[in-house]
Amino acid sequence: MGLLEGKLGVVFGVANKRSIAWAIAQAWKREGATLAFTYQGERLKENVEELAGTFGADTLILPCDVTSDAQIDAVFAAVREKFGRLDLLLHSVAFAPREALEGDFLDTSREAFRVAHDISAYSLVGLARAAAPLMTNGGSIVAMTYYGAEKVIPHYNVMGVAKAALEASTRYLANSLGPRRIRVNCISAGPVNTLAARGISGLSEMLKHYEAHAPLRRNVVPDELGHTGAFLASDGAAAITGQVLYVDCGYQIMGM
C-alpha cells in the first residue's frame, strides 16, 4: 500500500511535463492518491489535459485563474462534488512581469509588485481558505518556493520578495490551520530547467554554479522533488508544519 493510499488531492501549477508540479503529482499518484488538476488559460489547457489524462479518463481537470475568487470557488465546488472531501493541495503557482525580472529591482513598478504578490503569494491564502472546509480529516498543503526569498539572486528581483511573502504566509497559515490538523509547508527547490525557470535570465549559468558549489556537486532533479512532495503529504510528516524544506543538494548551507 502506498504512503498516500486513499488520499484525495488537487494540483495547481502544471504547465508541461517538465513542471515540478507534474513531478510531485506523479509521486502522489504512485503513492496511491487520486488527483484533480487545474490549468491557467487556454494556452496550457491542452498540455494539462494530455498529462492529467494519463491518470485516467475521468480525471477532473478545471480552469483556474488564481487572481479570481470566483474561479477558485468554482474549482473547490467541483472538487467537493467529485471527491466529497480533500486531503492534499499543491500550490506551484508564480508569476511576475518579465520587465520586473530583467531590470533593476529599484525600478519595480507598483503594478508589477502587485501582480507578483497576488499570483505568487496571496493565491496560497486564497486556495487554502477554499480548501480548508473540505479537509475534514486534516490535510497537507505544499507550496513551492526558492532560495531567492532569502538571499539576493540576480534577475529574480520582485519574485524573490513575493516568495518571501509566500514563505511568511506559509507560517501564518500553518498556525491558522493547525487546530484543524491541516499542515502547510514549502519546498525550496534548487534551480530546475522548467518553463517558469526559463523566464529567469542566466539560468544555464545558475545551474552550473549550483553544480560547482552545492555540497553534493550536482543539481536536484524533478523526481527528487516528487519524493519530497510525497513525504510532506504523508503521515511521515505528520508533525511538520510551517517549514521551508530545502531540496537543493545542500546549496543553502554554503557561505562561500
C-alpha atoms as a PDB file:
ATOM      1  CA  MET A   1       0.000   0.000   0.000  1.00  0.00           C
ATOM      2  CA  GLY A   2       1.320   3.456  -0.918  1.00  0.00           C
ATOM      3  CA  LEU A   3       2.010   6.270   1.505  1.00  0.00           C
ATOM      4  CA  LEU A   4      -0.988   8.209   0.174  1.00  0.00           C
ATOM      5  CA  GLU A   5      -3.434   5.375  -0.442  1.00  0.00           C
ATOM      6  CA  GLY A   6      -6.990   6.727  -0.377  1.00  0.00           C
ATOM      7  CA  LYS A   7      -5.882  10.377  -0.269  1.00  0.00           C
ATOM      8  CA  LEU A   8      -7.610  12.947  -2.490  1.00  0.00           C
ATOM      9  CA  GLY A   9      -5.721  15.950  -3.822  1.00  0.00           C
ATOM     10  CA  VAL A  10      -5.799  18.897  -6.177  1.00  0.00           C
ATOM     11  CA  VAL A  11      -2.760  20.194  -8.066  1.00  0.00           C
ATOM     12  CA  PHE A  12      -2.274  23.814  -9.130  1.00  0.00           C
ATOM     13  CA  GLY A  13       0.590  24.734 -11.430  1.00  0.00           C
ATOM     14  CA  VAL A  14       1.265  22.031 -14.010  1.00  0.00           C
ATOM     15  CA  ALA A  15       2.406  23.658 -17.255  1.00  0.00           C
ATOM     16  CA  ASN A  16       4.094  20.756 -19.049  1.00  0.00           C
ATOM     17  CA  LYS A  17       5.938  17.506 -18.386  1.00  0.00           C
ATOM     18  CA  ARG A  18       8.969  19.373 -17.015  1.00  0.00           C
ATOM     19  CA  SER A  19       6.968  21.155 -14.322  1.00  0.00           C
ATOM     20  CA  ILE A  20       7.900  20.499 -10.713  1.00  0.00           C
ATOM     21  CA  ALA A  21       4.149  20.280 -10.081  1.00  0.00           C
ATOM     22  CA  TRP A  22       3.963  17.377 -12.518  1.00  0.00           C
ATOM     23  CA  ALA A  23       6.846  15.565 -10.802  1.00  0.00           C
ATOM     24  CA  ILE A  24       5.079  15.885  -7.447  1.00  0.00           C
ATOM     25  CA  ALA A  25       1.717  14.896  -8.935  1.00  0.00           C
ATOM     26  CA  GLN A  26       3.290  11.742 -10.384  1.00  0.00           C
ATOM     27  CA  ALA A  27       4.803  10.890  -6.998  1.00  0.00           C
ATOM     28  CA  TRP A  28       1.469  11.453  -5.264  1.00  0.00           C
ATOM     29  CA  LYS A  29      -0.208   9.206  -7.815  1.00  0.00           C
ATOM     30  CA  ARG A  30       2.408   6.460  -7.421  1.00  0.00           C
ATOM     31  CA  GLU A  31       1.793   6.508  -3.675  1.00  0.00           C
ATOM     32  CA  GLY A  32      -1.929   5.948  -4.182  1.00  0.00           C
ATOM     33  CA  ALA A  33      -3.520   9.418  -4.268  1.00  0.00           C
ATOM     34  CA  THR A  34      -6.409  10.355  -6.556  1.00  0.00           C
ATOM     35  CA  LEU A  35      -5.885  13.809  -8.027  1.00  0.00           C
ATOM     36  CA  ALA A  36      -7.637  16.684  -9.743  1.00  0.00           C
ATOM     37  CA  PHE A  37      -5.772  19.290 -11.797  1.00  0.00           C
ATOM     38  CA  THR A  38      -6.207  22.920 -12.769  1.00  0.00           C
ATOM     39  CA  TYR A  39      -4.766  24.877 -15.665  1.00  0.00           C
ATOM     40  CA  GLN A  40      -4.117  28.574 -16.226  1.00  0.00           C
ATOM     41  CA  GLY A  41      -5.581  29.792 -19.526  1.00  0.00           C
ATOM     42  CA  GLU A  42      -6.328  28.132 -22.826  1.00  0.00           C
ATOM     43  CA  ARG A  43      -2.642  28.129 -23.795  1.00  0.00           C
ATOM     44  CA  LEU A  44      -1.877  25.469 -21.172  1.00  0.00           C
ATOM     45  CA  LYS A  45      -5.163  23.580 -21.309  1.00  0.00           C
ATOM     46  CA  GLU A  46      -4.076  21.014 -23.907  1.00  0.00           C
ATOM     47  CA  ASN A  47      -0.801  20.237 -22.085  1.00  0.00           C
ATOM     48  CA  VAL A  48      -2.534  19.673 -18.770  1.00  0.00           C
ATOM     49  CA  GLU A  49      -5.326  17.618 -20.322  1.00  0.00           C
ATOM     50  CA  GLU A  50      -2.785  15.373 -22.061  1.00  0.00           C
ATOM     51  CA  LEU A  51      -0.727  14.822 -18.905  1.00  0.00           C
ATOM     52  CA  ALA A  52      -3.592  14.520 -16.428  1.00  0.00           C
ATOM     53  CA  GLY A  53      -5.400  12.226 -18.825  1.00  0.00           C
ATOM     54  CA  THR A  54      -2.698   9.616 -18.221  1.00  0.00           C
ATOM     55  CA  PHE A  55      -4.100   9.325 -14.680  1.00  0.00           C
ATOM     56  CA  GLY A  56      -7.455   8.173 -16.060  1.00  0.00           C
ATOM     57  CA  ALA A  57     -10.107   9.380 -18.447  1.00  0.00           C
ATOM     58  CA  ASP A  58     -12.287  10.582 -15.571  1.00  0.00           C
ATOM     59  CA  THR A  59      -9.579  12.790 -14.011  1.00  0.00           C
ATOM     60  CA  LEU A  60     -11.040  16.141 -13.000  1.00  0.00           C
ATOM     61  CA  ILE A  61      -9.385  18.995 -14.943  1.00  0.00           C
ATOM     62  CA  LEU A  62     -10.544  22.548 -14.323  1.00  0.00           C
ATOM     63  CA  PRO A  63      -9.602  26.079 -15.387  1.00  0.00           C
ATOM     64  CA  CYS A  64      -8.376  28.360 -12.614  1.00  0.00           C
ATOM     65  CA  ASP A  65      -7.022  31.890 -12.701  1.00  0.00           C
ATOM     66  CA  VAL A  66      -5.857  32.268  -9.101  1.00  0.00           C
ATOM     67  CA  THR A  67      -6.470  36.022  -9.227  1.00  0.00           C
ATOM     68  CA  SER A  68     -10.204  35.268  -9.444  1.00  0.00           C
ATOM     69  CA  ASP A  69     -12.022  34.301  -6.242  1.00  0.00           C
ATOM     70  CA  ALA A  70     -14.949  33.142  -8.372  1.00  0.00           C
ATOM     71  CA  GLN A  71     -12.762  30.683 -10.305  1.00  0.00           C
ATOM     72  CA  ILE A  72     -11.156  29.427  -7.085  1.00  0.00           C
ATOM     73  CA  ASP A  73     -14.601  28.867  -5.584  1.00  0.00           C
ATOM     74  CA  ALA A  74     -15.718  27.041  -8.756  1.00  0.00           C
ATOM     75  CA  VAL A  75     -12.718  24.681  -8.559  1.00  0.00           C
ATOM     76  CA  PHE A  76     -13.413  23.668  -4.980  1.00  0.00           C
ATOM     77  CA  ALA A  77     -17.133  23.333  -5.614  1.00  0.00           C
ATOM     78  CA  ALA A  78     -16.292  20.854  -8.394  1.00  0.00           C
ATOM     79  CA  VAL A  79     -13.787  19.067  -6.130  1.00  0.00           C
ATOM     80  CA  ARG A  80     -16.438  18.800  -3.419  1.00  0.00           C
ATOM     81  CA  GLU A  81     -18.900  17.331  -5.897  1.00  0.00           C
ATOM     82  CA  LYS A  82     -16.355  14.869  -7.288  1.00  0.00           C
ATOM     83  CA  PHE A  83     -14.483  13.826  -4.121  1.00  0.00           C
ATOM     84  CA  GLY A  84     -16.661  14.917  -1.203  1.00  0.00           C
ATOM     85  CA  ARG A  85     -13.541  15.887   0.758  1.00  0.00           C
ATOM     86  CA  LEU A  86      -9.887  16.773   0.235  1.00  0.00           C
ATOM     87  CA  ASP A  87      -6.584  15.705   1.797  1.00  0.00           C
ATOM     88  CA  LEU A  88      -3.851  17.289  -0.329  1.00  0.00           C
ATOM     89  CA  LEU A  89      -3.221  20.560  -2.136  1.00  0.00           C
ATOM     90  CA  LEU A  90      -0.163  21.503  -4.208  1.00  0.00           C
ATOM     91  CA  HIS A  91       0.485  25.193  -4.882  1.00  0.00           C
ATOM     92  CA  SER A  92       3.086  25.589  -7.632  1.00  0.00           C
ATOM     93  CA  VAL A  93       1.975  28.948  -8.984  1.00  0.00           C
ATOM     94  CA  ALA A  94       4.124  32.053  -9.530  1.00  0.00           C
ATOM     95  CA  PHE A  95       4.354  34.937 -11.966  1.00  0.00           C
ATOM     96  CA  ALA A  96       5.976  38.335 -12.332  1.00  0.00           C
ATOM     97  CA  PRO A  97       6.074  40.555 -15.436  1.00  0.00           C
ATOM     98  CA  ARG A  98       9.217  39.912 -17.453  1.00  0.00           C
ATOM     99  CA  GLU A  99      10.382  43.522 -17.280  1.00  0.00           C
ATOM    100  CA  ALA A 100      10.363  43.304 -13.481  1.00  0.00           C
ATOM    101  CA  LEU A 101      12.761  40.364 -13.629  1.00  0.00           C
ATOM    102  CA  GLU A 102      15.165  41.785 -16.209  1.00  0.00           C
ATOM    103  CA  GLY A 103      15.701  45.284 -14.858  1.00  0.00           C
ATOM    104  CA  ASP A 104      16.932  46.825 -11.617  1.00  0.00           C
ATOM    105  CA  PHE A 105      14.816  45.968  -8.577  1.00  0.00           C
ATOM    106  CA  LEU A 106      14.729  49.682  -7.738  1.00  0.00           C
ATOM    107  CA  ASP A 107      12.664  50.229 -10.884  1.00  0.00           C
ATOM    108  CA  THR A 108       9.958  47.696  -9.952  1.00  0.00           C
ATOM    109  CA  SER A 109       6.608  49.269 -10.770  1.00  0.00           C
ATOM    110  CA  ARG A 110       3.716  49.314  -8.332  1.00  0.00           C
ATOM    111  CA  GLU A 111       1.707  47.166 -10.754  1.00  0.00           C
ATOM    112  CA  ALA A 112       4.459  44.564 -11.191  1.00  0.00           C
ATOM    113  CA  PHE A 113       4.814  44.337  -7.400  1.00  0.00           C
ATOM    114  CA  ARG A 114       1.057  43.888  -7.013  1.00  0.00           C
ATOM    115  CA  VAL A 115       0.780  41.245  -9.718  1.00  0.00           C
ATOM    116  CA  ALA A 116       3.756  39.232  -8.441  1.00  0.00           C
ATOM    117  CA  HIS A 117       2.397  39.164  -4.897  1.00  0.00           C
ATOM    118  CA  ASP A 118      -1.201  38.478  -5.888  1.00  0.00           C
ATOM    119  CA  ILE A 119      -0.365  35.488  -8.077  1.00  0.00           C
ATOM    120  CA  SER A 120       2.697  34.129  -6.278  1.00  0.00           C
ATOM    121  CA  ALA A 121       1.812  34.680  -2.606  1.00  0.00           C
ATOM    122  CA  TYR A 122      -1.770  35.714  -1.920  1.00  0.00           C
ATOM    123  CA  SER A 123      -3.033  32.840  -4.066  1.00  0.00           C
ATOM    124  CA  LEU A 124      -1.795  30.396  -1.415  1.00  0.00           C
ATOM    125  CA  VAL A 125      -4.005  32.117   1.139  1.00  0.00           C
ATOM    126  CA  GLY A 126      -6.990  32.074  -1.213  1.00  0.00           C
ATOM    127  CA  LEU A 127      -6.559  28.419  -2.123  1.00  0.00           C
ATOM    128  CA  ALA A 128      -6.001  27.355   1.486  1.00  0.00           C
ATOM    129  CA  ARG A 129      -9.125  29.195   2.616  1.00  0.00           C
ATOM    130  CA  ALA A 130     -11.209  27.463  -0.057  1.00  0.00           C
ATOM    131  CA  ALA A 131      -9.645  24.046   0.589  1.00  0.00           C
ATOM    132  CA  ALA A 132      -9.862  24.039   4.381  1.00  0.00           C
ATOM    133  CA  PRO A 133     -13.607  23.255   4.676  1.00  0.00           C
ATOM    134  CA  LEU A 134     -13.043  20.139   2.542  1.00  0.00           C
ATOM    135  CA  MET A 135     -10.111  18.911   4.654  1.00  0.00           C
ATOM    136  CA  THR A 136     -12.395  17.366   7.244  1.00  0.00           C
ATOM    137  CA  ASN A 137      -9.819  14.721   8.213  1.00  0.00           C
ATOM    138  CA  GLY A 138      -6.926  17.154   8.273  1.00  0.00           C
ATOM    139  CA  GLY A 139      -4.647  17.615   5.318  1.00  0.00           C
ATOM    140  CA  SER A 140      -1.364  18.711   3.798  1.00  0.00           C
ATOM    141  CA  ILE A 141      -0.792  21.843   1.731  1.00  0.00           C
ATOM    142  CA  VAL A 142       2.548  22.043  -0.085  1.00  0.00           C
ATOM    143  CA  ALA A 143       3.848  25.178  -1.836  1.00  0.00           C
ATOM    144  CA  MET A 144       6.931  25.720  -3.989  1.00  0.00           C
ATOM    145  CA  THR A 145       9.489  28.388  -3.167  1.00  0.00           C
ATOM    146  CA  TYR A 146      13.124  29.243  -3.952  1.00  0.00           C
ATOM    147  CA  TYR A 147      16.273  30.497  -2.189  1.00  0.00           C
ATOM    148  CA  GLY A 148      15.743  33.925  -3.770  1.00  0.00           C
ATOM    149  CA  ALA A 149      13.253  34.523  -0.943  1.00  0.00           C
ATOM    150  CA  GLU A 150      16.168  34.535   1.496  1.00  0.00           C
ATOM    151  CA  LYS A 151      19.142  35.887  -0.473  1.00  0.00           C
ATOM    152  CA  VAL A 152      19.535  38.206  -3.452  1.00  0.00           C
ATOM    153  CA  ILE A 153      19.616  36.250  -6.711  1.00  0.00           C
ATOM    154  CA  PRO A 154      20.417  38.119  -9.954  1.00  0.00           C
ATOM    155  CA  HIS A 155      17.358  38.649 -12.164  1.00  0.00           C
ATOM    156  CA  TYR A 156      14.961  37.256  -9.545  1.00  0.00           C
ATOM    157  CA  ASN A 157      14.056  40.698  -8.218  1.00  0.00           C
ATOM    158  CA  VAL A 158      10.396  41.112  -7.253  1.00  0.00           C
ATOM    159  CA  MET A 159       9.830  37.360  -7.447  1.00  0.00           C
ATOM    160  CA  GLY A 160      12.219  36.924  -4.528  1.00  0.00           C
ATOM    161  CA  VAL A 161      10.191  39.395  -2.483  1.00  0.00           C
ATOM    162  CA  ALA A 162       6.979  37.588  -3.446  1.00  0.00           C
ATOM    163  CA  LYS A 163       8.480  34.230  -2.473  1.00  0.00           C
ATOM    164  CA  ALA A 164       9.472  35.712   0.891  1.00  0.00           C
ATOM    165  CA  ALA A 165       5.812  36.689   1.325  1.00  0.00           C
ATOM    166  CA  LEU A 166       4.807  33.149   0.324  1.00  0.00           C
ATOM    167  CA  GLU A 167       7.095  31.654   2.968  1.00  0.00           C
ATOM    168  CA  ALA A 168       5.766  34.017   5.656  1.00  0.00           C
ATOM    169  CA  SER A 169       2.213  33.189   4.577  1.00  0.00           C
ATOM    170  CA  THR A 170       3.052  29.501   4.991  1.00  0.00           C
ATOM    171  CA  ARG A 171       3.955  30.085   8.634  1.00  0.00           C
ATOM    172  CA  TYR A 172       0.840  32.119   9.377  1.00  0.00           C
ATOM    173  CA  LEU A 173      -1.386  29.622   7.578  1.00  0.00           C
ATOM    174  CA  ALA A 174       0.223  26.770   9.497  1.00  0.00           C
ATOM    175  CA  ASN A 175      -0.783  28.492  12.712  1.00  0.00           C
ATOM    176  CA  SER A 176      -4.309  29.275  11.490  1.00  0.00           C
ATOM    177  CA  LEU A 177      -4.974  25.788  10.169  1.00  0.00           C
ATOM    178  CA  GLY A 178      -3.112  23.734  12.767  1.00  0.00           C
ATOM    179  CA  PRO A 179      -6.173  23.262  15.004  1.00  0.00           C
ATOM    180  CA  ARG A 180      -7.888  21.625  12.018  1.00  0.00           C
ATOM    181  CA  ARG A 181      -4.906  19.255  11.609  1.00  0.00           C
ATOM    182  CA  ILE A 182      -4.044  20.882   8.285  1.00  0.00           C
ATOM    183  CA  ARG A 183      -0.293  21.227   7.714  1.00  0.00           C
ATOM    184  CA  VAL A 184       1.267  23.859   5.440  1.00  0.00           C
ATOM    185  CA  ASN A 185       4.860  23.605   4.219  1.00  0.00           C
ATOM    186  CA  CYS A 186       7.137  24.866   1.441  1.00  0.00           C
ATOM    187  CA  ILE A 187       9.674  23.022  -0.668  1.00  0.00           C
ATOM    188  CA  SER A 188      12.554  25.312  -1.621  1.00  0.00           C
ATOM    189  CA  ALA A 189      13.863  23.684  -4.771  1.00  0.00           C
ATOM    190  CA  GLY A 190      17.219  24.259  -6.359  1.00  0.00           C
ATOM    191  CA  PRO A 191      17.083  25.529  -9.945  1.00  0.00           C
ATOM    192  CA  VAL A 192      15.379  23.181 -12.404  1.00  0.00           C
ATOM    193  CA  ASN A 193      15.030  23.727 -16.149  1.00  0.00           C
ATOM    194  CA  THR A 194      11.267  24.343 -16.168  1.00  0.00           C
ATOM    195  CA  LEU A 195       9.109  26.648 -18.277  1.00  0.00           C
ATOM    196  CA  ALA A 196       8.944  29.125 -15.391  1.00  0.00           C
ATOM    197  CA  ALA A 197      12.689  28.989 -14.706  1.00  0.00           C
ATOM    198  CA  ARG A 198      13.487  29.752 -18.328  1.00  0.00           C
ATOM    199  CA  GLY A 199      11.919  33.157 -17.741  1.00  0.00           C
ATOM    200  CA  ILE A 200      14.881  33.992 -15.475  1.00  0.00           C
ATOM    201  CA  SER A 201      17.954  35.331 -17.294  1.00  0.00           C
ATOM    202  CA  GLY A 202      21.129  33.352 -16.740  1.00  0.00           C
ATOM    203  CA  LEU A 203      19.507  30.020 -15.884  1.00  0.00           C
ATOM    204  CA  SER A 204      22.272  27.963 -17.501  1.00  0.00           C
ATOM    205  CA  GLU A 205      24.938  29.840 -15.513  1.00  0.00           C
ATOM    206  CA  MET A 206      22.914  29.338 -12.338  1.00  0.00           C
ATOM    207  CA  LEU A 207      22.720  25.590 -12.944  1.00  0.00           C
ATOM    208  CA  LYS A 208      26.496  25.443 -13.450  1.00  0.00           C
ATOM    209  CA  HIS A 209      27.090  27.497 -10.299  1.00  0.00           C
ATOM    210  CA  TYR A 210      24.927  25.225  -8.161  1.00  0.00           C
ATOM    211  CA  GLU A 211      26.629  22.150  -9.575  1.00  0.00           C
ATOM    212  CA  ALA A 212      30.043  23.573  -8.737  1.00  0.00           C
ATOM    213  CA  HIS A 213      29.237  24.855  -5.229  1.00  0.00           C
ATOM    214  CA  ALA A 214      26.489  22.677  -3.708  1.00  0.00           C
ATOM    215  CA  PRO A 215      27.871  20.069  -1.269  1.00  0.00           C
ATOM    216  CA  LEU A 216      26.561  17.232  -3.445  1.00  0.00           C
ATOM    217  CA  ARG A 217      28.198  18.842  -6.520  1.00  0.00           C
ATOM    218  CA  ARG A 218      25.114  18.443  -8.665  1.00  0.00           C
ATOM    219  CA  ASN A 219      21.657  19.866  -9.286  1.00  0.00           C
ATOM    220  CA  VAL A 220      18.409  18.495  -7.948  1.00  0.00           C
ATOM    221  CA  VAL A 221      16.242  16.535 -10.397  1.00  0.00           C
ATOM    222  CA  PRO A 222      12.432  16.639 -10.581  1.00  0.00           C
ATOM    223  CA  ASP A 223      11.962  13.082  -9.301  1.00  0.00           C
ATOM    224  CA  GLU A 224      13.706  14.035  -6.062  1.00  0.00           C
ATOM    225  CA  LEU A 225      11.296  16.926  -5.595  1.00  0.00           C
ATOM    226  CA  GLY A 226       8.475  14.467  -6.231  1.00  0.00           C
ATOM    227  CA  HIS A 227       9.714  12.213  -3.432  1.00  0.00           C
ATOM    228  CA  THR A 228       9.903  15.184  -1.066  1.00  0.00           C
ATOM    229  CA  GLY A 229       6.394  16.227  -2.010  1.00  0.00           C
ATOM    230  CA  ALA A 230       5.143  12.715  -1.278  1.00  0.00           C
ATOM    231  CA  PHE A 231       6.861  12.729   2.102  1.00  0.00           C
ATOM    232  CA  LEU A 232       5.340  16.077   3.127  1.00  0.00           C
ATOM    233  CA  ALA A 233       1.910  14.820   2.062  1.00  0.00           C
ATOM    234  CA  SER A 234       2.273  11.600   4.069  1.00  0.00           C
ATOM    235  CA  ASP A 235       1.797  10.658   7.696  1.00  0.00           C
ATOM    236  CA  GLY A 236       5.574  10.537   7.975  1.00  0.00           C
ATOM    237  CA  ALA A 237       5.459  14.339   8.087  1.00  0.00           C
ATOM    238  CA  ALA A 238       2.504  14.480  10.481  1.00  0.00           C
ATOM    239  CA  ALA A 239       4.377  16.712  12.941  1.00  0.00           C
ATOM    240  CA  ILE A 240       5.938  19.011  10.325  1.00  0.00           C
ATOM    241  CA  THR A 241       4.191  22.303   9.549  1.00  0.00           C
ATOM    242  CA  GLY A 242       5.126  25.891   8.789  1.00  0.00           C
ATOM    243  CA  GLN A 243       8.512  24.814   7.449  1.00  0.00           C
ATOM    244  CA  VAL A 244      10.632  25.590   4.403  1.00  0.00           C
ATOM    245  CA  LEU A 245      12.382  22.379   3.378  1.00  0.00           C
ATOM    246  CA  TYR A 246      15.428  22.977   1.167  1.00  0.00           C
ATOM    247  CA  VAL A 247      15.846  20.411  -1.582  1.00  0.00           C
ATOM    248  CA  ASP A 248      18.834  21.891  -3.388  1.00  0.00           C
ATOM    249  CA  CYS A 249      21.681  19.424  -2.935  1.00  0.00           C
ATOM    250  CA  GLY A 250      22.791  21.435   0.100  1.00  0.00           C
ATOM    251  CA  TYR A 251      23.448  24.742  -1.644  1.00  0.00           C
ATOM    252  CA  GLN A 252      21.540  26.724   1.015  1.00  0.00           C
ATOM    253  CA  ILE A 253      24.037  25.882   3.760  1.00  0.00           C
ATOM    254  CA  MET A 254      27.053  27.345   1.935  1.00  0.00           C
ATOM    255  CA  GLY A 255      28.536  30.721   2.787  1.00  0.00           C
ATOM    256  CA  MET A 256      31.189  30.753   0.051  1.00  0.00           C
END
